[in-house]
Amino acid sequence: MSLSRALAATLAVLAPIGWAPAQAPPPGADALGLDPGFVIDRVRDAYAAGPLGDAMLIQVTRGTKAARERAELYVDARAGRLLLVLGDLRVYAGEGRGAAVHDRDDEQCVIVPWDGVIRPGMFDTILPPLVLPQLAWLAPRLDSASRDLAPFAGDVEWVGSTIDESVRPPTVRLQGRSRAGDATLALVVDASNDRPREFTITVDRAPDAPTVVSIRFRAADPGDPSRWAPFLEGRERVPAVSALRASTGVVCVGGRAPNLSLFDGAARQWTLEDEVASRRRARGLAPGQEGPDVPACCVVLARAPAEAAVLRTSLESAAVGALAATAAWPECPVVVALVFSPDAFDRAAFDGIRDAWAAAWRAACSGDPALAPAEGGSPPDLLWSSSGSATFGRVAPDAQAVILVVGWDARVRAVEEFAGSIGGAGALRDRFAGADRPSAHPPAHDPGGD
């Protein structure tokens, strides 16, 4: 029975005796179907059914001092996958290992073994102790739902419940305490989906300055769990997350390519790491295994001008770059994106730009008919980014257009700045000589090792 059905049944029984919503239930109410153990079981079942995601606002208060942090936890219990997002840090567990990467560190990662069992403290070898009650609810059933809900709580005894029908949807609030007697807990559960809304633990070991940890939960879209794992190919393994640092400077040949994030007309995200990982899977490449000589991906970036009158020139330049890359490596996917400044992007205007992009592609093919696909072919999909200089800053800070050639290890094989003009695709293609071979960059530590 779901929590919402149990709550409805309980309210039906309590109504004739004058029970008022949002008040504590009369003695014996727990026996009518809302005992704390029943509620916890429903929460556990909701997480086990997954995949699902929690966006969390975590506040830690000690005396008069308070700190807030946002975090996200994504869980696919059936497949044994978890992803924890703490700001720029992403910690993944799955496929027999845990891995941590920094969103702005293109070169390094932390990898630790993992036995595949979801349990409290499973991230302790990577991170300081965290208050993540979901890990207790997902752990194997050995009363673990009442243990280790927080690193300092120990065993927990749930002692009562309160129904609140004054809110929509209704909620059930559980009260608990640590068996050691130095901590109290409260859990508010949404009766419509059996998911937590709030979790609070108060530790009174220092009576003059108790520590209070409160978490507010909001459901988050988990997306495709198969895409949660970070792409580790080519990264150097470091011993601790403290060694992960935001990458600085401009990428060079042999260095790891920045994980560019672009969007299509429907605002669907494309990332460079996803593209390379997908290409490796399609080729059946094992971790650390080199791919063929042809690059894994080419990305053509062109700045989107603030003046609409210059847009045609920018699109034609991008089309020339795309044609040159397509001619150099017909089997290699070519991704083209306009990069707008953050205050200049207009979704509605971008929809109209795609017609102009098709015309620019036809002009590029007419200017270099020997390189053009049969009957001109269809132009590559046009993507966009509104990150402005943040995108170009890591690739070619002063360029108006650039082609980034990426190998199967996500390392850069070539970076070519260009100002393409109609008829110039052939000369640009010839500048890629040698980029069809893996770079001489020393191989990184095999992330699949140990």
Protein backbone atom coordinates (compact mmCIF):
# COMPACT_ATOMS: atom_id res chain seq x y z
CA MET A 1 0.00 0.00 0.00
CA SER A 2 1.35 3.45 -0.88
CA LEU A 3 1.72 6.16 1.73
CA SER A 4 -1.02 8.27 0.13
CA ARG A 5 -3.51 5.38 0.28
CA ALA A 6 -2.53 4.59 3.84
CA LEU A 7 -2.95 8.24 4.77
CA ALA A 8 -6.41 8.36 3.16
CA ALA A 9 -7.45 5.25 5.07
CA THR A 10 -6.17 6.69 8.33
CA LEU A 11 -7.96 10.01 7.80
CA ALA A 12 -11.19 8.17 7.05
CA VAL A 13 -10.96 6.40 10.40
CA LEU A 14 -9.95 9.48 12.36
CA ALA A 15 -12.53 11.87 10.87
CA PRO A 16 -15.55 10.51 12.82
CA ILE A 17 -13.77 11.07 16.13
CA GLY A 18 -13.15 14.73 15.34
CA TRP A 19 -9.46 14.64 14.49
CA ALA A 20 -8.38 17.98 13.01
CA PRO A 21 -5.75 18.23 10.24
CA ALA A 22 -2.27 19.39 11.19
CA GLN A 23 -2.73 18.32 14.80
CA ALA A 24 -1.04 15.41 16.51
CA PRO A 25 -3.05 12.20 16.02
CA PRO A 26 -4.82 10.77 19.05
CA PRO A 27 -3.33 7.82 20.94
CA GLY A 28 -3.37 4.72 18.83
CA ALA A 29 -3.25 6.56 15.49
CA ASP A 30 0.06 4.91 14.56
CA ALA A 31 -1.64 1.53 14.84
CA LEU A 32 -4.06 2.60 12.11
CA GLY A 33 -1.38 2.29 9.43
CA LEU A 34 1.03 5.20 9.80
CA ASP A 35 3.57 3.78 12.20
CA PRO A 36 7.06 5.16 11.48
CA GLY A 37 8.34 1.83 10.19
CA PHE A 38 5.62 1.74 7.56
CA VAL A 39 6.48 5.27 6.39
CA ILE A 40 10.21 4.50 6.19
CA ASP A 41 9.47 1.37 4.14
CA ARG A 42 7.49 3.46 1.65
CA VAL A 43 10.40 5.89 1.35
CA ARG A 44 12.80 3.01 0.77
CA ASP A 45 10.55 1.54 -1.92
CA ALA A 46 10.37 4.89 -3.71
CA TYR A 47 14.17 5.12 -3.92
CA ALA A 48 14.53 1.48 -4.90
CA ALA A 49 12.10 1.97 -7.82
CA GLY A 50 14.27 4.74 -9.39
CA PRO A 51 15.96 6.17 -11.28
CA LEU A 52 15.30 9.45 -9.54
CA GLY A 53 17.05 12.61 -8.46
CA ASP A 54 17.07 14.91 -5.45
CA ALA A 55 18.09 18.56 -5.55
CA MET A 56 19.01 19.48 -2.00
CA LEU A 57 19.53 22.68 -0.05
CA ILE A 58 21.67 21.78 2.95
CA GLN A 59 22.09 24.14 5.89
CA VAL A 60 24.41 23.52 8.81
CA THR A 61 23.92 25.74 11.88
CA ARG A 62 26.12 25.80 14.95
CA GLY A 63 25.17 28.41 17.49
CA THR A 64 24.83 31.70 15.60
CA LYS A 65 26.85 30.54 12.57
CA ALA A 66 25.20 29.00 9.53
CA ALA A 67 26.43 27.74 6.16
CA ARG A 68 24.44 26.65 3.11
CA GLU A 69 25.34 24.33 0.27
CA ARG A 70 23.43 23.00 -2.71
CA ALA A 71 23.86 19.41 -3.82
CA GLU A 72 22.23 16.89 -6.12
CA LEU A 73 21.99 13.12 -5.75
CA TYR A 74 20.87 10.87 -8.59
CA VAL A 75 20.13 7.22 -7.91
CA ASP A 76 19.42 4.20 -10.09
CA ALA A 77 19.28 1.48 -7.44
CA ARG A 78 18.36 -1.33 -9.82
CA ALA A 79 21.41 -0.71 -12.00
CA GLY A 80 23.64 0.13 -9.02
CA ARG A 81 24.52 3.68 -10.08
CA LEU A 82 24.77 6.91 -8.10
CA LEU A 83 25.88 10.42 -9.00
CA LEU A 84 26.53 13.08 -6.37
CA VAL A 85 27.00 16.68 -7.54
CA LEU A 86 28.58 19.17 -5.13
CA GLY A 87 29.13 22.42 -7.00
CA ASP A 88 31.81 21.73 -9.62
CA LEU A 89 32.62 18.32 -8.13
CA ARG A 90 30.95 15.17 -9.48
CA VAL A 91 31.29 11.87 -7.65
CA TYR A 92 30.04 8.75 -9.42
CA ALA A 93 29.66 5.17 -8.19
CA GLY A 94 29.01 2.33 -10.62
CA GLU A 95 30.64 -0.49 -12.55
CA GLY A 96 32.69 -1.53 -9.54
CA ARG A 97 34.40 1.78 -8.83
CA GLY A 98 33.91 5.28 -7.52
CA ALA A 99 35.22 8.25 -9.48
CA ALA A 100 35.42 11.97 -8.83
CA VAL A 101 36.04 14.73 -11.38
CA HIS A 102 35.97 18.51 -11.30
CA ASP A 103 33.87 20.18 -14.00
CA ARG A 104 36.70 22.61 -14.76
CA ASP A 105 39.58 20.14 -14.48
CA ASP A 106 40.02 18.55 -17.90
CA GLU A 107 43.09 16.51 -16.99
CA GLN A 108 42.65 14.66 -13.69
CA CYS A 109 40.35 12.30 -11.77
CA VAL A 110 40.14 10.33 -8.53
CA ILE A 111 39.29 6.61 -8.74
CA VAL A 112 38.64 4.23 -5.85
CA PRO A 113 37.30 0.65 -5.80
CA TRP A 114 33.65 0.12 -4.87
CA ASP A 115 32.00 -3.19 -4.02
CA GLY A 116 28.68 -2.20 -5.59
CA VAL A 117 26.75 -2.04 -2.29
CA ILE A 118 24.94 1.23 -1.59
CA ARG A 119 25.41 2.09 2.06
CA PRO A 120 26.02 5.03 4.40
CA GLY A 121 29.60 6.20 4.27
CA MET A 122 30.24 4.79 0.79
CA PHE A 123 31.78 8.09 -0.34
CA ASP A 124 34.03 8.43 2.73
CA THR A 125 37.16 7.32 0.84
CA ILE A 126 36.70 10.31 -1.49
CA LEU A 127 34.90 12.95 0.57
CA PRO A 128 34.56 14.06 4.20
CA PRO A 129 31.55 12.51 6.01
CA LEU A 130 28.28 13.73 4.51
CA VAL A 131 24.68 13.81 5.72
CA LEU A 132 22.92 11.83 2.98
CA PRO A 133 20.02 9.88 4.54
CA GLN A 134 19.15 8.45 1.12
CA LEU A 135 22.14 6.11 1.40
CA ALA A 136 20.65 4.53 4.52
CA TRP A 137 17.29 4.09 2.81
CA LEU A 138 19.00 2.43 -0.15
CA ALA A 139 21.23 0.13 1.92
CA PRO A 140 20.48 -3.60 2.25
CA ARG A 141 17.68 -4.30 4.70
CA LEU A 142 19.27 -4.98 8.05
CA ASP A 143 17.51 -2.21 9.92
CA SER A 144 19.89 0.10 8.07
CA ALA A 145 17.05 2.59 7.49
CA SER A 146 17.33 3.42 11.18
CA ARG A 147 21.12 3.46 11.26
CA ASP A 148 23.72 5.91 10.09
CA LEU A 149 21.27 8.49 8.74
CA ALA A 150 23.99 11.00 9.59
CA PRO A 151 27.68 10.37 10.36
CA PHE A 152 27.22 11.40 13.99
CA ALA A 153 23.74 10.01 14.73
CA GLY A 154 24.38 6.29 15.19
CA ASP A 155 21.30 4.10 15.63
CA VAL A 156 18.01 5.98 15.35
CA GLU A 157 14.66 5.18 16.94
CA TRP A 158 11.57 6.65 15.29
CA VAL A 159 9.13 7.45 18.07
CA GLY A 160 6.05 9.02 16.47
CA SER A 161 4.32 10.51 13.45
CA THR A 162 2.15 13.54 12.75
CA ILE A 163 -0.19 13.89 9.77
CA ASP A 164 -0.57 17.31 8.14
CA GLU A 165 -3.47 17.52 5.71
CA SER A 166 -3.47 21.31 5.67
CA VAL A 167 -0.87 21.28 2.91
CA ARG A 168 -1.27 19.87 -0.58
CA PRO A 169 -0.23 17.21 -1.06
CA PRO A 170 -0.49 16.05 2.57
CA THR A 171 2.63 15.12 4.49
CA VAL A 172 3.65 12.83 7.31
CA ARG A 173 6.20 14.05 9.83
CA LEU A 174 8.27 11.51 11.72
CA GLN A 175 10.04 12.27 14.99
CA GLY A 176 13.07 10.31 16.04
CA ARG A 177 16.04 10.27 18.37
CA SER A 178 19.39 8.60 18.56
CA ARG A 179 19.57 5.65 20.92
CA ALA A 180 22.48 7.39 22.61
CA GLY A 181 20.11 10.24 23.44
CA ASP A 182 22.20 13.11 22.12
CA ALA A 183 20.44 13.73 18.81
CA THR A 184 16.86 14.34 17.66
CA LEU A 185 15.59 13.90 14.12
CA ALA A 186 12.61 14.94 12.02
CA LEU A 187 11.62 13.66 8.59
CA VAL A 188 8.79 15.15 6.51
CA VAL A 189 7.52 12.85 3.75
CA ASP A 190 5.34 13.81 0.78
CA ALA A 191 2.36 11.44 0.82
CA SER A 192 1.82 11.78 -2.95
CA ASN A 193 5.12 10.21 -3.99
CA ASP A 194 6.64 8.77 -0.77
CA ARG A 195 9.66 11.09 -1.17
CA PRO A 196 11.25 13.22 1.56
CA ARG A 197 10.61 16.95 1.69
CA GLU A 198 12.70 17.84 4.71
CA PHE A 199 15.16 16.11 7.00
CA THR A 200 16.58 17.69 10.16
CA ILE A 201 18.97 16.39 12.77
CA THR A 202 19.95 18.28 15.92
CA VAL A 203 22.96 17.15 17.92
CA ASP A 204 23.13 18.40 21.53
CA ARG A 205 26.59 17.27 22.52
CA ALA A 206 27.46 20.90 23.18
CA PRO A 207 24.28 22.31 24.81
CA ASP A 208 25.43 25.92 24.45
CA ALA A 209 25.92 25.47 20.69
CA PRO A 210 23.92 22.55 19.27
CA THR A 211 24.62 21.55 15.67
CA VAL A 212 21.60 21.47 13.36
CA VAL A 213 21.74 19.98 9.87
CA SER A 214 18.63 20.54 7.76
CA ILE A 215 18.03 19.36 4.21
CA ARG A 216 15.23 20.47 1.92
CA PHE A 217 14.52 18.14 -0.99
CA ARG A 218 13.13 18.86 -4.42
CA ALA A 219 12.67 16.25 -7.13
CA ALA A 220 15.20 16.59 -9.97
CA ASP A 221 15.11 15.02 -13.41
CA PRO A 222 17.61 12.13 -13.39
CA GLY A 223 17.97 12.10 -17.17
CA ASP A 224 19.61 9.04 -18.69
CA PRO A 225 21.52 7.12 -15.98
CA SER A 226 23.84 5.63 -18.60
CA ARG A 227 25.24 9.15 -19.07
CA TRP A 228 25.98 9.80 -15.39
CA ALA A 229 29.45 8.27 -15.44
CA PRO A 230 32.23 10.79 -16.09
CA PHE A 231 34.40 10.19 -19.14
CA LEU A 232 37.76 9.15 -17.67
CA GLU A 233 39.69 8.20 -20.80
CA GLY A 234 42.96 10.10 -20.96
CA ARG A 235 42.72 11.61 -17.46
CA GLU A 236 45.59 11.43 -15.00
CA ARG A 237 44.71 9.63 -11.77
CA VAL A 238 45.36 11.60 -8.55
CA PRO A 239 44.99 10.37 -4.97
CA ALA A 240 42.49 12.89 -3.56
CA VAL A 241 39.84 15.42 -4.59
CA SER A 242 42.02 18.15 -3.10
CA ALA A 243 44.34 17.63 -6.08
CA LEU A 244 41.60 18.42 -8.59
CA ARG A 245 41.93 21.97 -9.85
CA ALA A 246 40.15 24.13 -12.36
CA SER A 247 42.10 24.01 -15.62
CA THR A 248 43.68 27.27 -16.72
CA GLY A 249 45.29 28.45 -19.93
CA VAL A 250 44.61 27.60 -23.53
CA VAL A 251 44.52 23.99 -24.70
CA CYS A 252 47.38 22.76 -26.85
CA VAL A 253 47.97 19.76 -29.06
CA GLY A 254 48.33 16.68 -26.87
CA GLY A 255 46.42 18.25 -23.98
CA ARG A 256 42.98 17.11 -22.95
CA ALA A 257 40.18 18.91 -24.77
CA PRO A 258 37.81 21.01 -22.65
CA ASN A 259 34.42 19.40 -22.23
CA LEU A 260 32.51 21.80 -24.45
CA SER A 261 28.78 22.05 -23.73
CA LEU A 262 26.52 23.04 -26.62
CA PHE A 263 22.77 22.98 -27.33
CA ASP A 264 20.54 22.32 -30.32
CA GLY A 265 17.45 24.25 -31.34
CA ALA A 266 15.32 22.32 -28.83
CA ALA A 267 17.79 23.12 -26.02
CA ARG A 268 19.02 19.51 -25.85
CA GLN A 269 22.56 19.43 -24.51
CA TRP A 270 25.54 18.06 -26.38
CA THR A 271 28.90 17.65 -24.68
CA LEU A 272 32.24 16.73 -26.17
CA GLU A 273 32.90 14.02 -23.59
CA ASP A 274 29.53 12.38 -24.31
CA GLU A 275 30.30 12.42 -28.03
CA VAL A 276 33.72 10.78 -27.62
CA ALA A 277 32.36 8.24 -25.12
CA SER A 278 29.52 7.36 -27.49
CA ARG A 279 31.94 6.94 -30.39
CA ARG A 280 34.19 4.69 -28.30
CA ARG A 281 31.22 2.49 -27.34
CA ALA A 282 30.16 2.25 -30.98
CA ARG A 283 33.67 1.07 -31.87
CA GLY A 284 33.76 -1.39 -28.97
CA LEU A 285 36.89 0.18 -27.50
CA ALA A 286 37.94 -0.93 -24.03
CA PRO A 287 39.30 1.58 -21.47
CA GLY A 288 42.81 2.59 -22.46
CA GLN A 289 42.50 1.06 -25.93
CA GLU A 290 43.55 3.34 -28.78
CA GLY A 291 41.06 4.11 -31.51
CA PRO A 292 41.67 4.27 -35.26
CA ASP A 293 43.78 6.97 -36.89
CA VAL A 294 40.77 9.04 -37.91
CA PRO A 295 39.83 11.57 -35.18
CA ALA A 296 36.87 10.86 -32.94
CA CYS A 297 35.27 14.27 -33.42
CA CYS A 298 35.77 17.71 -34.97
CA VAL A 299 34.18 20.82 -33.50
CA VAL A 300 33.82 24.04 -35.49
CA LEU A 301 33.17 27.11 -33.36
CA ALA A 302 32.30 30.52 -34.80
CA ARG A 303 31.59 33.67 -32.83
CA ALA A 304 28.09 34.99 -33.34
CA PRO A 305 28.38 38.70 -34.09
CA ALA A 306 26.34 41.25 -32.19
CA GLU A 307 25.46 42.93 -35.49
CA ALA A 308 22.93 40.96 -37.54
CA ALA A 309 24.46 42.33 -40.74
CA VAL A 310 27.70 40.43 -40.06
CA LEU A 311 25.92 37.14 -39.34
CA ARG A 312 26.12 35.93 -42.92
CA THR A 313 29.92 36.23 -42.89
CA SER A 314 30.14 34.30 -39.62
CA LEU A 315 27.89 31.51 -40.94
CA GLU A 316 29.84 31.25 -44.20
CA SER A 317 33.08 30.99 -42.23
CA ALA A 318 31.62 28.19 -40.11
CA ALA A 319 30.37 26.42 -43.25
CA VAL A 320 33.84 26.60 -44.87
CA GLY A 321 35.38 25.12 -41.71
CA ALA A 322 32.79 22.35 -41.58
CA LEU A 323 33.33 21.51 -45.25
CA ALA A 324 37.12 21.37 -44.77
CA ALA A 325 36.79 19.01 -41.79
CA THR A 326 34.25 16.84 -43.59
CA ALA A 327 36.55 16.57 -46.61
CA ALA A 328 39.56 15.73 -44.44
CA TRP A 329 37.80 12.97 -42.49
CA PRO A 330 34.54 11.81 -44.10
CA GLU A 331 33.99 9.24 -41.30
CA CYS A 332 34.46 11.75 -38.50
CA PRO A 333 31.39 13.56 -37.08
CA VAL A 334 31.65 17.33 -37.46
CA VAL A 335 29.84 19.51 -34.95
CA VAL A 336 29.23 23.18 -35.72
CA ALA A 337 28.22 25.82 -33.17
CA LEU A 338 27.63 29.55 -33.04
CA VAL A 339 28.98 31.01 -29.81
CA PHE A 340 26.98 33.99 -28.55
CA SER A 341 27.81 36.35 -25.74
CA PRO A 342 25.54 35.72 -22.72
CA ASP A 343 23.48 38.88 -23.28
CA ALA A 344 23.09 38.45 -27.04
CA PHE A 345 21.45 35.04 -27.45
CA ASP A 346 17.83 34.90 -28.57
CA ARG A 347 16.19 31.49 -28.96
CA ALA A 348 13.54 32.78 -31.36
CA ALA A 349 16.18 34.46 -33.52
CA PHE A 350 18.27 31.29 -33.55
CA ASP A 351 15.40 29.35 -35.13
CA GLY A 352 15.56 31.79 -38.05
CA ILE A 353 19.34 31.54 -38.27
CA ARG A 354 19.10 27.87 -39.21
CA ASP A 355 17.64 28.79 -42.62
CA ALA A 356 20.58 31.13 -43.19
CA TRP A 357 22.92 28.30 -42.13
CA ALA A 358 21.57 26.06 -44.87
CA ALA A 359 22.23 28.82 -47.42
CA ALA A 360 25.77 29.30 -46.10
CA TRP A 361 26.45 25.58 -46.47
CA ARG A 362 25.24 25.62 -50.07
CA ALA A 363 27.51 28.58 -50.79
CA ALA A 364 30.52 26.81 -49.28
CA CYS A 365 29.83 23.69 -51.36
CA SER A 366 29.48 25.80 -54.52
CA GLY A 367 32.79 27.52 -53.78
CA ASP A 368 34.65 24.19 -53.44
CA PRO A 369 32.69 21.73 -55.62
CA ALA A 370 35.51 19.16 -55.51
CA LEU A 371 35.09 18.86 -51.73
CA ALA A 372 31.32 19.03 -51.62
CA PRO A 373 29.34 15.88 -50.71
CA ALA A 374 27.25 14.31 -53.43
CA GLU A 375 24.50 16.71 -54.45
CA GLY A 376 25.67 19.10 -51.74
CA GLY A 377 24.40 16.90 -48.92
CA SER A 378 22.70 18.23 -45.83
CA PRO A 379 24.62 20.70 -43.66
CA PRO A 380 25.77 19.55 -40.23
CA ASP A 381 23.34 20.42 -37.46
CA LEU A 382 23.92 23.92 -36.13
CA LEU A 383 24.28 24.10 -32.36
CA TRP A 384 24.73 27.09 -30.07
CA SER A 385 26.38 28.23 -26.89
CA SER A 386 25.76 31.41 -24.94
CA SER A 387 28.97 31.18 -22.92
CA GLY A 388 30.82 33.69 -25.09
CA SER A 389 34.46 34.16 -24.16
CA ALA A 390 34.28 31.29 -21.64
CA THR A 391 34.13 28.83 -24.57
CA PHE A 392 36.68 30.52 -26.81
CA GLY A 393 38.93 31.36 -23.87
CA ARG A 394 40.03 27.74 -23.43
CA VAL A 395 40.41 27.05 -27.16
CA ALA A 396 41.43 30.19 -29.06
CA PRO A 397 40.82 33.43 -27.12
CA ASP A 398 41.40 35.84 -30.01
CA ALA A 399 39.91 33.82 -32.87
CA GLN A 400 36.68 34.50 -34.69
CA ALA A 401 36.45 30.86 -35.75
CA VAL A 402 38.35 27.71 -34.81
CA ILE A 403 38.36 24.00 -35.56
CA LEU A 404 39.13 21.63 -32.68
CA VAL A 405 40.19 18.12 -33.72
CA VAL A 406 39.78 15.57 -30.90
CA GLY A 407 41.15 12.04 -30.64
CA TRP A 408 39.66 8.92 -29.07
CA ASP A 409 41.32 9.72 -25.75
CA ALA A 410 39.62 13.16 -25.69
CA ARG A 411 42.98 14.81 -26.32
CA VAL A 412 43.52 17.55 -28.86
CA ARG A 413 45.08 16.52 -32.18
CA ALA A 414 44.83 19.93 -33.83
CA VAL A 415 43.57 23.46 -33.16
CA GLU A 416 43.17 25.61 -36.25
CA GLU A 417 42.11 29.24 -36.10
CA PHE A 418 40.74 30.43 -39.40
CA ALA A 419 38.77 33.14 -41.13
CA GLY A 420 37.06 31.08 -43.77
CA SER A 421 35.89 32.61 -47.00
CA ILE A 422 33.97 30.94 -49.79
CA GLY A 423 36.39 28.89 -51.90
CA GLY A 424 38.92 28.46 -49.07
CA ALA A 425 37.92 25.03 -47.75
CA GLY A 426 40.59 23.19 -49.74
CA ALA A 427 43.47 25.24 -48.34
CA LEU A 428 42.06 24.89 -44.82
CA ARG A 429 41.76 21.11 -45.23
CA ASP A 430 45.44 20.89 -46.20
CA ARG A 431 46.43 22.53 -42.90
CA PHE A 432 45.23 19.42 -41.06
CA ALA A 433 48.08 17.23 -42.35
CA GLY A 434 49.16 14.98 -39.50
CA ALA A 435 46.09 15.47 -37.33
CA ASP A 436 44.81 12.06 -38.43
CA ARG A 437 47.46 10.43 -36.26
CA PRO A 438 47.43 10.17 -32.45
CA SER A 439 49.62 12.81 -30.81
CA ALA A 440 52.94 11.99 -29.21
CA HIS A 441 51.54 13.06 -25.83
CA PRO A 442 52.50 10.44 -23.19
CA PRO A 443 49.53 8.20 -22.33
CA ALA A 444 47.77 9.04 -19.08
CA HIS A 445 47.35 6.50 -16.30
CA ASP A 446 44.81 3.93 -17.39
CA PRO A 447 41.61 4.92 -15.52
CA GLY A 448 40.41 1.36 -15.70
CA GLY A 449 43.36 0.06 -13.69
CA ASP A 450 43.38 -1.41 -10.19
